[in-house]
């Protein structure tokens, strides 16, 4: 410990700083000299006491800070430890308990910014010292700020009507809170609505999902906004304002009863490719398969909620030529309305849950596997539709010629664990490939080959299901499917698809003839995830999925207060994990709304009216609409209750009339000064050998 000026007469407003350097076990102490950093900090201006400790975040570490604040009259504290994301609130609370204003605390990150990224012990120590010096110089200029209270509107917007969104909406609605369930597709249900069975229990997907879809649609606290999109979002925690666009179905929802007369008479198919194949005599259109009517007037699934059709404008003959009115004539209730337009509405909510899900990898990108080029090479998503009782074959597994295959190959990791496409593991492919193998063996007496890199079955009952499938006679080949072709080398290969792979167990190249190839495609983030993230203020990671606040401690929270994540929009996961995370997100949203009001950071922007030129540059830039222009005075003024201290106006003001509280120019300049101090001012030179007190 270094202690200076321990019991002085305390002058009012004089900075009295305590510096605490955390070992973080060996996370920090194993890579730099924490004792030297603490001793060096003790020599910095205004530092009264400096210490190092094993775990500053422990209760003992916090008590150490609290006791020092009281004993030494500290009015500033610097803790040099990990990221502020983890423990800034912990140490602020400790300072508050000791009677110090929490905004006169500063965190110096010497773990993520130093010990974890620097292997050189001496340089790591030097860098840590500079980080501590910067924080110490800055904290001396921190001002006491006060938190603000904001009310929380007791309503939630759930973006995405898949299983995660439905689960979150029902949890909140059952607690008595209003929920807007937003889904851009014509029906809720998401990707699960297209599954026949779910692994590993082989439950009927429709039997699980349909009751929840109906419950969500009929719940008195849930307003279902199907076929709608989020256009704009403004506001802040507890007071979000969302602009919703309701897309035209060309069906009057108040009149339609979902009888099906309109889609049954529609003469125009949505897919021109399917039309060509039908003319060519193809019996099963794998790539165009749907579990809905194929006309321009259609309903997504027979279990669709709401059970309302939609007319696809791009392919509808009426919109193209004006000559077809079959659906209009078939509807006895007069619900078809070709003049319908998109409409807009504004809603206000206190919290938001993002459950936008994922999209499947486009198999056409892996040209060597033949999808889109070779018949009977299909994706796992197409197999799900083919195998679905509501699908085009009534659940039969058929090739394009209408015959059942006698041999099937399932290729794992298509688009996943591949540096050419996606490095991440999609987590579900191994298990749903095993499910597909089971379904093929159950419905057909066909040989099934699984080509895998390694089998990943970490889940309840997953390993048991893996062994069950192997006992059913499925042939496992450890090796990534490298290519699929229809070029025969021998007479036995005529008319077959040839799967080529390197068997890494046998150490030999394999060439396996099969009738059908199923590509286990991986999961990717939605194409518009980045756009939605910008609107919400939620970042996306390198893989494109939304980033949670903390991967272990806050997987359902985001860095945007009041906005939570649920399901696969945060990363690939299976149905149980998606539902579990949806429950967590709903619980945290409920906890906020039940409080009625919450405290928000004391940081906000402030306009010096005497310096404001009245240019109004800042007014339209504010994403929270927190800046008003006072015409009488010809100045801008910030509403502290609305300001979220994003700093946009501070950076944009041409007159430098706006200051960000907690991020003022003098604080930032002081921080730089501290970081750039000469090393001789940071470390005491070692005494020469033989000198008094020096080494011998």
Foldseek 3Di string as FASTA:
>chain_A
DAFDPQDPDDDPLQAAEEEEEECCAVLQVVQEPSVQLQNLLSLAPNYGYGYYDHGLLDPVNLVVVLVSCVRRVHQAYEYEEADCLVCLVSNLVSCVVSPHQSQLYYYQHLRVVARVPDRHHVVSHLLSSLSSLLRVLLSSPADRFDWDKDFAQQEEEEEAQALLSLLLLVLSVVVPGAYEYEEQAQFGHPLLVLFQADPDVRHGSCVVRLVSRVCQLPRPRYDYQYNKDWDFWFFAARWIKTKIKRADQLFAPVQDPLPCQLLVPAPWFPDPVVVVVVVVVFDDDLVQKALWRRHQWIARHPSGVVSHTGGNLVTRPCNVPVPDDSSCVRDPRNGRHPPDGMDMDMDIGNFYEYEHAWDWDDLVVLPQAPVVHDWQEHALSSLRLCQHCSIPPNRAQATRNRHHWQEEEEFFQRQECDPVHHNHDLVCLLQVSLVSLVSCLVRHNHAYEYEAQDRDQPDVCRVVSVVVSVVSPHHYANWGFNGWDQDDPDPVSHQWIWTWTQRPVVRGIDIDTINHYYYSTGTAHDPCLCVVCVSQVFDADPRGATDFSDVPPTQQHTPRPRYGYADPSNHRDDDVRRSVSSSVNSVVNVVSNVVRMDIADSKFKFFQLVQFPLPCPLQVVQSNNQWDQDVVSSGIGGNSVRGPQPCPSCVPRPSNRMAINSHGPSSNVSSVCSSPDPVCSSGPDADDDPPVVHHD
